[in-house]
N, C-alpha and C. Protein backbone atom coordinates (compact mmCIF):
# COMPACT_ATOMS: atom_id res chain seq x y z
N MET A 1 -96.27 212.96 10.38
CA MET A 1 -96.72 213.85 9.35
C MET A 1 -98.11 214.41 9.65
N ILE A 2 -99.07 213.54 9.93
CA ILE A 2 -100.42 214.02 10.20
C ILE A 2 -100.52 214.33 11.69
N GLU A 3 -100.69 215.57 11.98
CA GLU A 3 -100.87 216.01 13.35
C GLU A 3 -102.36 216.22 13.56
N GLU A 4 -102.73 216.67 14.72
CA GLU A 4 -104.12 217.03 14.96
C GLU A 4 -104.44 218.21 14.06
N ASN A 5 -105.18 217.96 13.00
CA ASN A 5 -105.51 219.02 12.05
C ASN A 5 -106.57 219.94 12.66
N ARG A 6 -106.40 221.22 12.41
CA ARG A 6 -107.34 222.20 12.95
C ARG A 6 -107.82 223.11 11.83
N ARG A 7 -109.05 223.52 11.98
CA ARG A 7 -109.63 224.49 11.05
C ARG A 7 -110.32 225.54 11.89
N ILE A 8 -109.86 226.75 11.77
CA ILE A 8 -110.41 227.89 12.51
C ILE A 8 -110.43 227.59 14.01
N GLY A 9 -109.32 227.06 14.51
CA GLY A 9 -109.16 226.87 15.95
C GLY A 9 -109.86 225.68 16.55
N ARG A 10 -110.59 224.92 15.76
CA ARG A 10 -111.28 223.75 16.31
C ARG A 10 -110.70 222.48 15.70
N PRO A 11 -110.60 221.41 16.49
CA PRO A 11 -110.12 220.15 15.90
C PRO A 11 -111.11 219.65 14.84
N MET A 12 -110.56 219.07 13.78
CA MET A 12 -111.42 218.50 12.74
C MET A 12 -111.88 217.12 13.20
N CYS A 13 -113.04 216.71 12.68
CA CYS A 13 -113.55 215.39 13.02
C CYS A 13 -112.67 214.31 12.39
N ARG A 14 -112.86 213.10 12.84
CA ARG A 14 -112.04 211.97 12.37
C ARG A 14 -112.14 211.77 10.86
N SER A 15 -113.33 211.89 10.31
CA SER A 15 -113.48 211.69 8.87
C SER A 15 -112.80 212.80 8.08
N ALA A 16 -112.80 214.03 8.59
CA ALA A 16 -112.11 215.13 7.92
C ALA A 16 -110.59 214.90 7.98
N ASN A 17 -110.08 214.45 9.11
CA ASN A 17 -108.66 214.12 9.22
C ASN A 17 -108.29 213.04 8.20
N PHE A 18 -109.15 212.05 8.07
CA PHE A 18 -108.89 210.96 7.13
C PHE A 18 -108.89 211.49 5.70
N ALA A 19 -109.79 212.39 5.38
CA ALA A 19 -109.83 212.99 4.05
C ALA A 19 -108.53 213.75 3.76
N VAL A 20 -107.99 214.42 4.76
CA VAL A 20 -106.72 215.13 4.59
C VAL A 20 -105.60 214.13 4.29
N VAL A 21 -105.56 213.04 5.01
CA VAL A 21 -104.55 212.00 4.78
C VAL A 21 -104.67 211.47 3.34
N LEU A 22 -105.88 211.24 2.89
CA LEU A 22 -106.09 210.74 1.52
C LEU A 22 -105.60 211.75 0.48
N ARG A 23 -105.90 213.02 0.69
CA ARG A 23 -105.48 214.05 -0.25
C ARG A 23 -103.96 214.22 -0.27
N VAL A 24 -103.33 214.14 0.89
CA VAL A 24 -101.87 214.24 0.95
C VAL A 24 -101.25 213.09 0.15
N ALA A 25 -101.76 211.89 0.36
CA ALA A 25 -101.24 210.73 -0.37
C ALA A 25 -101.47 210.89 -1.87
N GLN A 26 -102.65 211.36 -2.24
CA GLN A 26 -102.96 211.56 -3.66
C GLN A 26 -102.01 212.58 -4.28
N TRP A 27 -101.77 213.68 -3.58
CA TRP A 27 -100.89 214.71 -4.10
C TRP A 27 -99.47 214.17 -4.26
N GLU A 28 -99.00 213.46 -3.25
CA GLU A 28 -97.64 212.89 -3.32
C GLU A 28 -97.53 211.90 -4.47
N LEU A 29 -98.53 211.04 -4.64
CA LEU A 29 -98.51 210.07 -5.74
C LEU A 29 -98.51 210.77 -7.10
N ASP A 30 -99.33 211.81 -7.23
CA ASP A 30 -99.38 212.56 -8.49
C ASP A 30 -98.01 213.15 -8.82
N GLN A 31 -97.37 213.74 -7.82
CA GLN A 31 -96.07 214.35 -8.04
C GLN A 31 -95.03 213.32 -8.48
N VAL A 32 -94.99 212.20 -7.79
CA VAL A 32 -94.01 211.16 -8.12
C VAL A 32 -94.33 210.53 -9.47
N ALA A 33 -95.60 210.29 -9.75
CA ALA A 33 -95.97 209.69 -11.03
C ALA A 33 -95.54 210.57 -12.20
N PHE A 34 -95.61 211.87 -12.03
CA PHE A 34 -95.21 212.79 -13.08
C PHE A 34 -93.69 212.86 -13.22
N ARG A 35 -92.99 212.90 -12.11
CA ARG A 35 -91.55 213.15 -12.13
C ARG A 35 -90.69 211.89 -12.25
N LEU A 36 -91.21 210.75 -11.83
CA LEU A 36 -90.41 209.51 -11.81
C LEU A 36 -89.89 209.12 -13.20
N PRO A 37 -90.73 209.12 -14.23
CA PRO A 37 -90.21 208.73 -15.55
C PRO A 37 -89.12 209.65 -16.08
N ARG A 38 -89.07 210.86 -15.55
CA ARG A 38 -88.05 211.82 -15.98
C ARG A 38 -86.79 211.73 -15.12
N GLY A 39 -86.78 210.80 -14.18
CA GLY A 39 -85.61 210.60 -13.33
C GLY A 39 -85.40 211.71 -12.31
N GLU A 40 -86.48 212.36 -11.91
CA GLU A 40 -86.40 213.51 -11.02
C GLU A 40 -86.79 213.22 -9.58
N VAL A 41 -86.94 211.97 -9.22
CA VAL A 41 -87.37 211.62 -7.86
C VAL A 41 -86.19 211.03 -7.10
N SER A 42 -85.82 211.70 -6.02
CA SER A 42 -84.68 211.24 -5.23
C SER A 42 -85.08 210.09 -4.31
N ARG A 43 -84.07 209.45 -3.80
CA ARG A 43 -84.30 208.36 -2.83
C ARG A 43 -85.08 208.87 -1.61
N SER A 44 -84.72 210.04 -1.11
CA SER A 44 -85.42 210.58 0.06
C SER A 44 -86.89 210.89 -0.26
N GLU A 45 -87.16 211.34 -1.48
CA GLU A 45 -88.55 211.58 -1.88
C GLU A 45 -89.34 210.28 -1.96
N ARG A 46 -88.70 209.24 -2.47
CA ARG A 46 -89.37 207.93 -2.52
C ARG A 46 -89.66 207.43 -1.11
N HIS A 47 -88.72 207.64 -0.21
CA HIS A 47 -88.93 207.22 1.18
C HIS A 47 -90.05 208.03 1.83
N LYS A 48 -90.10 209.33 1.53
CA LYS A 48 -91.18 210.16 2.05
C LYS A 48 -92.54 209.65 1.57
N LEU A 49 -92.62 209.32 0.27
CA LEU A 49 -93.87 208.78 -0.27
C LEU A 49 -94.22 207.46 0.40
N ALA A 50 -93.24 206.62 0.61
CA ALA A 50 -93.49 205.34 1.29
C ALA A 50 -94.05 205.59 2.69
N ASP A 51 -93.53 206.59 3.39
CA ASP A 51 -94.04 206.93 4.73
C ASP A 51 -95.49 207.42 4.66
N VAL A 52 -95.79 208.25 3.66
CA VAL A 52 -97.17 208.74 3.49
C VAL A 52 -98.10 207.57 3.22
N LEU A 53 -97.67 206.65 2.37
CA LEU A 53 -98.52 205.50 2.05
C LEU A 53 -98.68 204.55 3.23
N THR A 54 -97.63 204.41 4.03
CA THR A 54 -97.74 203.59 5.24
C THR A 54 -98.73 204.21 6.20
N GLU A 55 -98.66 205.52 6.36
CA GLU A 55 -99.60 206.21 7.24
C GLU A 55 -101.03 206.07 6.71
N LEU A 56 -101.18 206.18 5.40
CA LEU A 56 -102.50 205.99 4.79
C LEU A 56 -103.02 204.59 5.07
N ALA A 57 -102.17 203.60 4.91
CA ALA A 57 -102.57 202.22 5.17
C ALA A 57 -103.02 202.04 6.63
N ASP A 58 -102.30 202.66 7.55
CA ASP A 58 -102.68 202.60 8.97
C ASP A 58 -104.07 203.21 9.18
N HIS A 59 -104.31 204.36 8.56
CA HIS A 59 -105.61 205.01 8.68
C HIS A 59 -106.71 204.16 8.06
N LEU A 60 -106.43 203.57 6.91
CA LEU A 60 -107.43 202.71 6.26
C LEU A 60 -107.79 201.51 7.14
N ARG A 61 -106.81 200.94 7.81
CA ARG A 61 -107.06 199.80 8.68
C ARG A 61 -107.88 200.18 9.90
N ASP A 62 -107.64 201.38 10.43
CA ASP A 62 -108.27 201.80 11.67
C ASP A 62 -109.59 202.55 11.48
N TYR A 63 -109.84 203.05 10.29
CA TYR A 63 -111.00 203.91 10.07
C TYR A 63 -112.30 203.13 10.16
N GLU A 64 -113.24 203.67 10.90
CA GLU A 64 -114.54 203.03 11.04
C GLU A 64 -115.68 204.00 10.77
N GLY A 65 -115.37 205.12 10.14
CA GLY A 65 -116.35 206.12 9.71
C GLY A 65 -117.37 206.40 10.69
């Protein structure tokens, strides 16, 4: 999911990449939190969120700012 993020043709620094990962996870969690009680979240969407959270956990473990 997270590729080498670029802004205006230049690679972003490690902390900026990490911020993007955090925002993606936050957005996905917000969407699921809103839709889950209404029964609108599919199994594949739950799996996608689990993948985002796993990736976030990997970044949190490896991040050294």
